[in-house]
Amino acid sequence: MSESKKKSERRKFFIGSNLALFAVALFIGVVCLYPVSVATSAGDGVYRRGAEDSDCVSLLVNVYWGTEEVYSMLDVLDEYGGKATFFIGGAWADDNADCVKEIVSRGHEIGSHGYFHKDCTTLSYEETAEEINLSRRFLLLAAGVEVGLFAPPSGAYDQTTVQVCGDLGMKLILWSKDTVDWRDKDADLCYERATDGVSGGEFILMHPMPATVQALPRILQYYRENGFRAVTVTENLTYGG
């Protein structure tokens, strides 16, 4: 093969390689900027929402403080006929067993939020299982119900967390909307984040904060007026999860 022909072949090879690399980079960029919708079947072992074609939305209330606010939230939910799932921290439940019982007696769902609010990504398999099981056992003793849902503190999880939940027969729950109420403590922001662009199957994260209690009637009223029902996570997932 002549030298000129060799150079021509090399140019074709480099051009083809660069085009292939460009296509890969373009694909990655599109995926990052426009992520695909999260499947309700939790192919990665994590549930972030229910079915979009449902009329269900779920309030996820993570509880490690705010006992009085929890009671106030229960009153508002009763008034609007809504149900919620309260993810209970074991250390809080240990001091507030009566409140845990009240949550269940009013027809709401409880899940585990761990016992000591540990970052699951720093724990071994055994430590993760212990953190979840301590909470489950106490909630069973306190409220008489088996817990099948786990919301990792701070939303921090890894493959070990997924594996432990699978082995324990539990669903690992995250969210599709976050009110960030613990940080901003603003009722209007809480309302906006819980309602803006809401669609069927949403999991809306919140905490027992005074501003959240203030926003909750407006949130539930918005759902009602727009054809959504506030239901537990399990009911939401049962519809199309």
Protein backbone atom coordinates (compact mmCIF):
# COMPACT_ATOMS: atom_id res chain seq x y z
CA MET A 1 0.00 0.00 0.00
CA SER A 2 1.33 3.43 -0.97
CA GLU A 3 2.13 6.01 1.70
CA SER A 4 -0.59 8.34 0.45
CA LYS A 5 -3.16 5.56 0.61
CA LYS A 6 -2.04 4.71 4.16
CA LYS A 7 -2.50 8.35 5.18
CA SER A 8 -5.96 8.38 3.63
CA GLU A 9 -6.95 5.25 5.54
CA ARG A 10 -5.64 6.72 8.79
CA ARG A 11 -7.65 9.91 8.21
CA LYS A 12 -10.82 7.88 7.67
CA PHE A 13 -10.15 5.91 10.84
CA PHE A 14 -9.62 9.04 12.96
CA ILE A 15 -12.67 10.75 11.49
CA GLY A 16 -14.80 7.68 12.21
CA SER A 17 -13.44 7.42 15.74
CA ASN A 18 -14.08 11.09 16.46
CA LEU A 19 -17.63 10.84 15.13
CA ALA A 20 -18.25 7.83 17.35
CA LEU A 21 -16.87 9.68 20.39
CA PHE A 22 -18.99 12.70 19.56
CA ALA A 23 -22.11 10.53 19.33
CA VAL A 24 -21.36 8.97 22.72
CA ALA A 25 -20.75 12.38 24.30
CA LEU A 26 -23.95 13.73 22.78
CA PHE A 27 -25.93 10.77 24.11
CA ILE A 28 -24.50 11.21 27.62
CA GLY A 29 -25.27 14.92 27.53
CA VAL A 30 -28.85 14.32 26.49
CA VAL A 31 -29.35 11.74 29.24
CA CYS A 32 -27.92 14.09 31.86
CA LEU A 33 -29.93 17.10 30.76
CA TYR A 34 -33.13 15.21 30.03
CA PRO A 35 -33.29 12.18 32.30
CA VAL A 36 -35.82 9.53 31.49
CA SER A 37 -38.84 9.32 33.75
CA VAL A 38 -38.46 7.07 36.76
CA ALA A 39 -40.20 3.74 36.34
CA THR A 40 -42.69 2.90 39.04
CA SER A 41 -41.53 -0.71 39.02
CA ALA A 42 -38.32 0.37 40.76
CA GLY A 43 -35.93 -1.39 38.40
CA ASP A 44 -33.03 -0.04 40.48
CA GLY A 45 -34.65 -1.15 43.73
CA VAL A 46 -35.76 2.36 44.70
CA TYR A 47 -39.31 3.71 44.55
CA ARG A 48 -39.61 7.43 43.80
CA ARG A 49 -43.25 7.71 42.72
CA GLY A 50 -46.34 5.82 41.69
CA ALA A 51 -48.04 5.74 38.30
CA GLU A 52 -48.37 9.07 36.50
CA ASP A 53 -51.82 8.20 35.15
CA SER A 54 -53.28 7.85 38.65
CA ASP A 55 -55.08 10.45 40.75
CA CYS A 56 -52.86 9.63 43.75
CA VAL A 57 -50.24 11.75 45.45
CA SER A 58 -48.44 10.82 48.67
CA LEU A 59 -47.09 13.02 51.44
CA LEU A 60 -43.92 11.54 52.92
CA VAL A 61 -43.40 12.96 56.41
CA ASN A 62 -39.95 12.22 57.86
CA VAL A 63 -40.12 12.44 61.65
CA TYR A 64 -37.21 12.89 64.03
CA TRP A 65 -38.67 15.92 65.82
CA GLY A 66 -41.81 18.06 65.98
CA THR A 67 -44.23 16.02 68.08
CA GLU A 68 -46.74 18.86 68.41
CA GLU A 69 -46.51 19.53 64.68
CA VAL A 70 -47.23 15.86 63.97
CA TYR A 71 -50.45 16.10 65.97
CA SER A 72 -51.38 19.29 64.10
CA MET A 73 -50.70 17.63 60.75
CA LEU A 74 -52.94 14.73 61.74
CA ASP A 75 -55.76 17.17 62.51
CA VAL A 76 -55.38 18.90 59.13
CA LEU A 77 -55.26 15.56 57.29
CA ASP A 78 -58.45 14.50 59.09
CA GLU A 79 -60.15 17.74 58.07
CA TYR A 80 -59.36 17.23 54.39
CA GLY A 81 -59.78 13.46 54.33
CA GLY A 82 -56.16 12.90 53.36
CA LYS A 83 -53.80 10.10 54.32
CA ALA A 84 -50.01 10.22 54.58
CA THR A 85 -47.04 8.00 55.26
CA PHE A 86 -44.93 8.96 58.27
CA PHE A 87 -41.36 7.67 58.20
CA ILE A 88 -40.48 7.40 61.86
CA GLY A 89 -37.05 7.74 63.40
CA GLY A 90 -36.68 5.09 66.09
CA ALA A 91 -34.92 7.40 68.55
CA TRP A 92 -37.85 9.85 68.32
CA ALA A 93 -40.43 7.07 68.53
CA ASP A 94 -38.80 5.80 71.71
CA ASP A 95 -39.84 9.03 73.43
CA ASN A 96 -43.14 9.45 71.58
CA ALA A 97 -44.80 6.05 71.44
CA ASP A 98 -48.24 7.57 72.06
CA CYS A 99 -47.84 9.79 69.01
CA VAL A 100 -46.84 6.81 66.87
CA LYS A 101 -49.97 4.98 68.02
CA GLU A 102 -52.06 8.05 67.19
CA ILE A 103 -50.68 8.17 63.65
CA VAL A 104 -51.71 4.57 63.08
CA SER A 105 -55.08 4.89 64.84
CA ARG A 106 -56.04 7.70 62.47
CA GLY A 107 -55.49 5.47 59.46
CA HIS A 108 -52.08 6.64 58.31
CA GLU A 109 -49.12 4.53 57.32
CA ILE A 110 -45.79 4.34 59.12
CA GLY A 111 -42.41 3.39 57.72
CA SER A 112 -38.88 3.21 59.06
CA HIS A 113 -36.54 6.18 58.91
CA GLY A 114 -33.80 4.27 60.69
CA TYR A 115 -33.12 4.47 64.39
CA PHE A 116 -30.29 6.97 64.87
CA HIS A 117 -30.52 8.90 61.55
CA LYS A 118 -27.30 7.36 60.25
CA ASP A 119 -25.96 7.91 56.74
CA CYS A 120 -26.51 4.51 55.14
CA THR A 121 -23.69 5.04 52.63
CA THR A 122 -21.19 4.86 55.53
CA LEU A 123 -22.57 1.60 56.94
CA SER A 124 -21.78 -2.04 56.25
CA TYR A 125 -24.46 -4.55 55.31
CA GLU A 126 -24.77 -5.67 58.92
CA GLU A 127 -24.88 -2.12 60.29
CA THR A 128 -27.56 -1.11 57.79
CA ALA A 129 -29.67 -4.13 58.68
CA GLU A 130 -29.32 -3.36 62.38
CA GLU A 131 -30.26 0.30 61.90
CA ILE A 132 -33.44 -0.68 60.04
CA ASN A 133 -34.36 -3.64 62.22
CA LEU A 134 -34.02 -1.69 65.48
CA SER A 135 -36.55 0.77 64.14
CA ARG A 136 -38.87 -1.93 62.79
CA ARG A 137 -38.92 -3.86 66.04
CA PHE A 138 -39.69 -0.78 68.12
CA LEU A 139 -42.45 0.37 65.78
CA LEU A 140 -44.00 -3.08 65.93
CA LEU A 141 -43.94 -2.96 69.73
CA ALA A 142 -45.23 0.62 69.87
CA ALA A 143 -47.95 0.50 67.23
CA GLY A 144 -48.53 -3.20 66.56
CA VAL A 145 -47.85 -2.96 62.83
CA GLU A 146 -45.23 -4.52 60.62
CA VAL A 147 -43.23 -1.91 58.70
CA GLY A 148 -42.45 -2.63 55.06
CA LEU A 149 -41.10 0.74 53.89
CA PHE A 150 -37.73 2.37 54.54
CA ALA A 151 -36.79 5.98 53.78
CA PRO A 152 -33.03 6.45 54.20
CA PRO A 153 -32.05 9.50 56.28
CA SER A 154 -31.09 12.44 54.04
CA GLY A 155 -31.98 10.26 51.05
CA ALA A 156 -28.50 8.72 51.27
CA TYR A 157 -28.31 5.15 50.01
CA ASP A 158 -26.07 2.84 48.01
CA GLN A 159 -26.30 -0.64 46.57
CA THR A 160 -25.81 -2.15 50.01
CA THR A 161 -28.89 -0.28 51.25
CA VAL A 162 -30.88 -1.59 48.29
CA GLN A 163 -29.67 -5.13 48.97
CA VAL A 164 -30.53 -5.00 52.68
CA CYS A 165 -34.04 -3.71 51.95
CA GLY A 166 -34.54 -6.42 49.37
CA ASP A 167 -33.35 -9.11 51.77
CA LEU A 168 -35.67 -7.76 54.49
CA GLY A 169 -38.61 -7.68 52.10
CA MET A 170 -38.87 -3.89 52.32
CA LYS A 171 -39.30 -1.15 49.73
CA LEU A 172 -36.70 1.64 49.68
CA ILE A 173 -38.58 4.93 49.29
CA LEU A 174 -37.32 8.28 48.00
CA TRP A 175 -39.34 11.20 46.60
CA SER A 176 -40.22 13.02 43.39
CA LYS A 177 -40.77 16.44 45.01
CA ASP A 178 -38.99 17.91 48.03
CA THR A 179 -40.45 20.85 49.95
CA VAL A 180 -37.09 21.45 51.70
CA ASP A 181 -39.20 22.75 54.57
CA TRP A 182 -36.63 21.84 57.24
CA ARG A 183 -34.21 24.36 55.74
CA ASP A 184 -36.36 27.23 54.48
CA LYS A 185 -39.14 27.20 57.12
CA ASP A 186 -41.38 29.13 54.71
CA ALA A 187 -45.04 28.21 54.27
CA ASP A 188 -45.36 29.77 50.83
CA LEU A 189 -42.28 27.95 49.51
CA CYS A 190 -43.54 24.71 51.02
CA TYR A 191 -46.87 25.15 49.26
CA GLU A 192 -45.26 26.00 45.92
CA ARG A 193 -42.88 23.04 46.01
CA ALA A 194 -45.65 20.63 46.97
CA THR A 195 -48.02 21.76 44.21
CA ASP A 196 -46.06 23.26 41.28
CA GLY A 197 -46.41 20.95 38.29
CA VAL A 198 -47.69 18.11 40.45
CA SER A 199 -48.77 14.99 38.58
CA GLY A 200 -50.25 11.64 39.48
CA GLY A 201 -48.09 9.29 41.51
CA GLU A 202 -45.93 12.00 43.10
CA PHE A 203 -44.13 11.40 46.40
CA ILE A 204 -43.85 14.77 48.19
CA LEU A 205 -41.31 14.97 51.00
CA MET A 206 -41.95 17.13 54.06
CA HIS A 207 -41.27 17.30 57.80
CA PRO A 208 -43.24 18.30 60.90
CA MET A 209 -42.37 22.00 60.86
CA PRO A 210 -44.56 24.96 61.93
CA ALA A 211 -44.41 26.40 58.40
CA THR A 212 -45.41 23.03 56.94
CA VAL A 213 -48.42 22.83 59.24
CA GLN A 214 -49.38 26.31 58.07
CA ALA A 215 -49.05 25.32 54.39
CA LEU A 216 -50.72 21.92 54.65
CA PRO A 217 -54.40 23.04 54.38
CA ARG A 218 -53.61 24.94 51.16
CA ILE A 219 -51.67 21.98 49.78
CA LEU A 220 -54.49 19.54 50.43
CA GLN A 221 -57.06 21.98 49.09
CA TYR A 222 -55.04 22.35 45.88
CA TYR A 223 -54.90 18.59 45.44
CA ARG A 224 -58.63 18.31 46.00
CA GLU A 225 -59.46 21.07 43.53
CA ASN A 226 -57.19 19.54 40.89
CA GLY A 227 -58.51 16.00 41.15
CA PHE A 228 -55.79 14.41 43.26
CA ARG A 229 -56.20 12.24 46.35
CA ALA A 230 -53.65 12.28 49.17
CA VAL A 231 -53.02 8.60 49.90
CA THR A 232 -50.42 6.44 51.59
CA VAL A 233 -47.30 5.36 49.73
CA THR A 234 -48.52 1.76 49.65
CA GLU A 235 -51.87 2.73 48.09
CA ASN A 236 -50.04 4.93 45.59
CA LEU A 237 -47.74 2.09 44.57
CA THR A 238 -50.55 -0.46 44.56
CA TYR A 239 -52.37 1.60 41.95
CA GLY A 240 -49.56 1.29 39.44
CA GLY A 241 -46.25 0.75 41.18
